[in-house]
C-alpha cells in the first residue's frame, strides 16, 4: 500500500493507515464490550453499532486488520 511506496506521501500514508486501523479496531472492540455483539455497521459519528447483529459480514475483515494479513 502507499505507506510502502517511497515518495513524498509515504510517511503521511503510514500515519493515516496506523490511525485508521487503530480507531476501527478500538471502536469495534468497545462496542463488543458494551453490547456483546459484533455489528455489521457502525455509526460514522458516534461509533455505536447499528442495524444487523449478530451478523459479522464485512466486520470480519477487522480480524485481518488486527493481524495485518491482507
N, C-alpha and C. Protein backbone atom coordinates (compact mmCIF):
# COMPACT_ATOMS: atom_id res chain seq x y z
N UNK A 1 0.83 -1.18 0.00
CA UNK A 1 0.00 0.00 0.00
C UNK A 1 0.87 1.24 0.00
N UNK A 2 0.28 2.41 0.00
CA UNK A 2 1.03 3.66 -0.19
C UNK A 2 2.10 3.89 0.86
N UNK A 3 1.95 3.35 2.05
CA UNK A 3 2.97 3.53 3.08
C UNK A 3 4.25 2.77 2.74
N UNK A 4 4.17 1.82 1.83
CA UNK A 4 5.34 1.04 1.43
C UNK A 4 6.01 1.57 0.17
N UNK A 5 5.40 2.54 -0.48
CA UNK A 5 5.94 3.07 -1.73
C UNK A 5 6.75 4.33 -1.43
N UNK A 6 8.05 4.32 -1.74
CA UNK A 6 8.86 5.52 -1.50
C UNK A 6 8.30 6.72 -2.25
N UNK A 7 8.32 7.85 -1.59
CA UNK A 7 7.84 9.07 -2.22
C UNK A 7 7.45 10.10 -1.18
N UNK A 8 6.97 11.24 -1.64
CA UNK A 8 6.68 12.35 -0.73
C UNK A 8 5.52 12.09 0.24
N UNK A 9 4.66 11.13 -0.06
CA UNK A 9 3.50 10.87 0.79
C UNK A 9 3.63 9.60 1.64
N UNK A 10 4.79 8.97 1.59
CA UNK A 10 4.97 7.69 2.27
C UNK A 10 4.74 7.80 3.78
N UNK A 11 5.34 8.76 4.44
CA UNK A 11 5.20 8.85 5.90
C UNK A 11 3.79 9.27 6.29
N UNK A 12 3.16 10.15 5.52
CA UNK A 12 1.78 10.56 5.80
C UNK A 12 0.83 9.38 5.62
N UNK A 13 1.02 8.59 4.57
CA UNK A 13 0.18 7.41 4.34
C UNK A 13 0.32 6.41 5.47
N UNK A 14 1.54 6.21 5.95
CA UNK A 14 1.77 5.28 7.06
C UNK A 14 1.07 5.77 8.32
N UNK A 15 1.10 7.06 8.58
CA UNK A 15 0.44 7.63 9.75
C UNK A 15 -1.08 7.48 9.65
N UNK A 16 -1.64 7.78 8.49
CA UNK A 16 -3.09 7.64 8.29
C UNK A 16 -3.51 6.19 8.45
N UNK A 17 -2.75 5.27 7.87
CA UNK A 17 -3.05 3.84 7.99
C UNK A 17 -3.08 3.41 9.45
N UNK A 18 -2.05 3.78 10.19
CA UNK A 18 -1.95 3.37 11.60
C UNK A 18 -3.11 3.93 12.42
N UNK A 19 -3.42 5.21 12.23
CA UNK A 19 -4.50 5.85 12.98
C UNK A 19 -5.86 5.24 12.63
N UNK A 20 -6.13 5.05 11.35
CA UNK A 20 -7.40 4.47 10.91
C UNK A 20 -7.55 3.04 11.43
N UNK A 21 -6.50 2.25 11.29
CA UNK A 21 -6.53 0.86 11.77
C UNK A 21 -6.82 0.81 13.27
N UNK A 22 -6.10 1.60 14.04
CA UNK A 22 -6.31 1.62 15.50
C UNK A 22 -7.71 2.07 15.87
N UNK A 23 -8.22 3.09 15.20
CA UNK A 23 -9.57 3.59 15.50
C UNK A 23 -10.64 2.55 15.21
N UNK A 24 -10.53 1.86 14.10
CA UNK A 24 -11.52 0.84 13.74
C UNK A 24 -11.50 -0.31 14.74
N UNK A 25 -10.31 -0.81 15.04
CA UNK A 25 -10.18 -1.93 15.98
C UNK A 25 -10.69 -1.53 17.36
N UNK A 26 -10.29 -0.36 17.84
CA UNK A 26 -10.71 0.10 19.17
C UNK A 26 -12.22 0.29 19.24
N UNK A 27 -12.81 0.89 18.22
CA UNK A 27 -14.25 1.13 18.23
C UNK A 27 -15.03 -0.18 18.22
N UNK A 28 -14.61 -1.10 17.37
CA UNK A 28 -15.32 -2.38 17.29
C UNK A 28 -15.22 -3.15 18.60
N UNK A 29 -14.06 -3.13 19.22
CA UNK A 29 -13.88 -3.82 20.50
C UNK A 29 -14.71 -3.15 21.59
N UNK A 30 -14.72 -1.82 21.62
CA UNK A 30 -15.51 -1.08 22.62
C UNK A 30 -16.99 -1.42 22.49
N UNK A 31 -17.49 -1.46 21.27
CA UNK A 31 -18.90 -1.80 21.06
C UNK A 31 -19.19 -3.25 21.40
N UNK A 32 -18.23 -4.13 21.14
CA UNK A 32 -18.42 -5.54 21.52
C UNK A 32 -18.50 -5.66 23.04
N UNK A 33 -17.62 -4.97 23.75
CA UNK A 33 -17.67 -5.00 25.22
C UNK A 33 -18.98 -4.42 25.73
N UNK A 34 -19.45 -3.35 25.12
CA UNK A 34 -20.66 -2.66 25.57
C UNK A 34 -21.92 -3.47 25.30
N UNK A 35 -21.99 -4.10 24.13
CA UNK A 35 -23.24 -4.74 23.72
C UNK A 35 -23.18 -6.27 23.68
N UNK A 36 -21.98 -6.82 23.59
CA UNK A 36 -21.83 -8.27 23.44
C UNK A 36 -22.00 -8.74 22.01
N UNK A 37 -22.04 -7.80 21.06
CA UNK A 37 -22.23 -8.15 19.65
C UNK A 37 -21.17 -7.50 18.77
N UNK A 38 -20.85 -8.18 17.66
CA UNK A 38 -20.14 -7.57 16.55
C UNK A 38 -21.23 -7.13 15.58
N UNK A 39 -21.20 -5.89 15.21
CA UNK A 39 -22.24 -5.31 14.37
C UNK A 39 -21.78 -5.26 12.92
N UNK A 40 -22.73 -5.25 12.01
CA UNK A 40 -22.40 -5.11 10.60
C UNK A 40 -22.09 -3.66 10.25
N UNK A 41 -22.70 -2.71 10.95
CA UNK A 41 -22.48 -1.29 10.67
C UNK A 41 -22.22 -0.55 11.98
N UNK A 42 -21.45 0.53 11.86
CA UNK A 42 -21.16 1.39 13.00
C UNK A 42 -21.44 2.83 12.58
N UNK A 43 -22.10 3.57 13.45
CA UNK A 43 -22.45 4.96 13.15
C UNK A 43 -21.18 5.76 12.88
N UNK A 44 -21.19 6.55 11.81
CA UNK A 44 -19.97 7.26 11.40
C UNK A 44 -19.54 8.37 12.35
N UNK A 45 -20.43 8.88 13.18
CA UNK A 45 -20.05 9.94 14.11
C UNK A 45 -19.86 9.41 15.54
N UNK A 46 -20.79 8.57 16.01
CA UNK A 46 -20.71 8.10 17.40
C UNK A 46 -19.97 6.78 17.54
N UNK A 47 -19.90 6.00 16.47
CA UNK A 47 -19.25 4.71 16.52
C UNK A 47 -20.11 3.59 17.07
N UNK A 48 -21.35 3.89 17.45
CA UNK A 48 -22.21 2.85 18.01
C UNK A 48 -22.61 1.85 16.94
N UNK A 49 -22.70 0.57 17.37
CA UNK A 49 -23.15 -0.47 16.46
C UNK A 49 -24.60 -0.25 16.09
N UNK A 50 -24.94 -0.56 14.85
CA UNK A 50 -26.32 -0.34 14.42
C UNK A 50 -26.74 -1.37 13.39
N UNK A 51 -28.01 -1.50 13.25
CA UNK A 51 -28.70 -2.38 12.31
C UNK A 51 -28.44 -3.85 12.62
N UNK A 52 -27.77 -4.58 11.75
CA UNK A 52 -27.72 -6.05 11.84
C UNK A 52 -26.77 -6.56 12.92
N UNK A 53 -27.29 -7.44 13.74
CA UNK A 53 -26.48 -8.21 14.68
C UNK A 53 -27.29 -9.42 15.11
N UNK A 54 -26.76 -10.53 15.47
CA UNK A 54 -25.35 -10.84 15.25
C UNK A 54 -25.11 -11.25 13.79
N UNK A 55 -24.45 -10.43 13.08
CA UNK A 55 -24.12 -10.66 11.68
C UNK A 55 -22.79 -9.99 11.43
N UNK A 56 -21.78 -10.78 11.11
CA UNK A 56 -20.44 -10.23 11.00
C UNK A 56 -20.19 -9.59 9.64
N UNK A 57 -20.40 -10.31 8.55
CA UNK A 57 -20.17 -9.74 7.22
C UNK A 57 -18.81 -9.08 7.10
N UNK A 58 -18.80 -7.84 6.60
CA UNK A 58 -17.55 -7.12 6.39
C UNK A 58 -16.81 -6.81 7.69
N UNK A 59 -17.51 -6.83 8.81
CA UNK A 59 -16.84 -6.58 10.09
C UNK A 59 -15.80 -7.66 10.39
N UNK A 60 -15.94 -8.83 9.77
CA UNK A 60 -14.96 -9.89 9.93
C UNK A 60 -13.59 -9.53 9.38
N UNK A 61 -13.54 -8.56 8.49
CA UNK A 61 -12.27 -8.11 7.92
C UNK A 61 -11.39 -7.48 9.00
N UNK A 62 -11.99 -7.03 10.08
CA UNK A 62 -11.22 -6.40 11.16
C UNK A 62 -10.21 -7.39 11.75
N UNK A 63 -10.54 -8.67 11.76
CA UNK A 63 -9.59 -9.68 12.24
C UNK A 63 -8.34 -9.67 11.36
N UNK A 64 -8.52 -9.53 10.05
CA UNK A 64 -7.38 -9.41 9.15
C UNK A 64 -6.60 -8.13 9.41
N UNK A 65 -7.32 -7.05 9.72
CA UNK A 65 -6.65 -5.79 10.05
C UNK A 65 -5.79 -5.95 11.30
N UNK A 66 -6.32 -6.68 12.28
CA UNK A 66 -5.58 -6.88 13.52
C UNK A 66 -4.29 -7.66 13.27
N UNK A 67 -4.36 -8.65 12.39
CA UNK A 67 -3.18 -9.47 12.10
C UNK A 67 -2.31 -8.87 11.00
N UNK A 68 -2.84 -7.89 10.31
CA UNK A 68 -2.19 -7.24 9.17
C UNK A 68 -1.83 -8.25 8.08
N UNK A 69 -2.73 -9.20 7.85
CA UNK A 69 -2.58 -10.17 6.76
C UNK A 69 -3.63 -9.87 5.71
N UNK A 70 -3.24 -9.12 4.67
CA UNK A 70 -4.16 -8.83 3.59
C UNK A 70 -3.45 -9.12 2.29
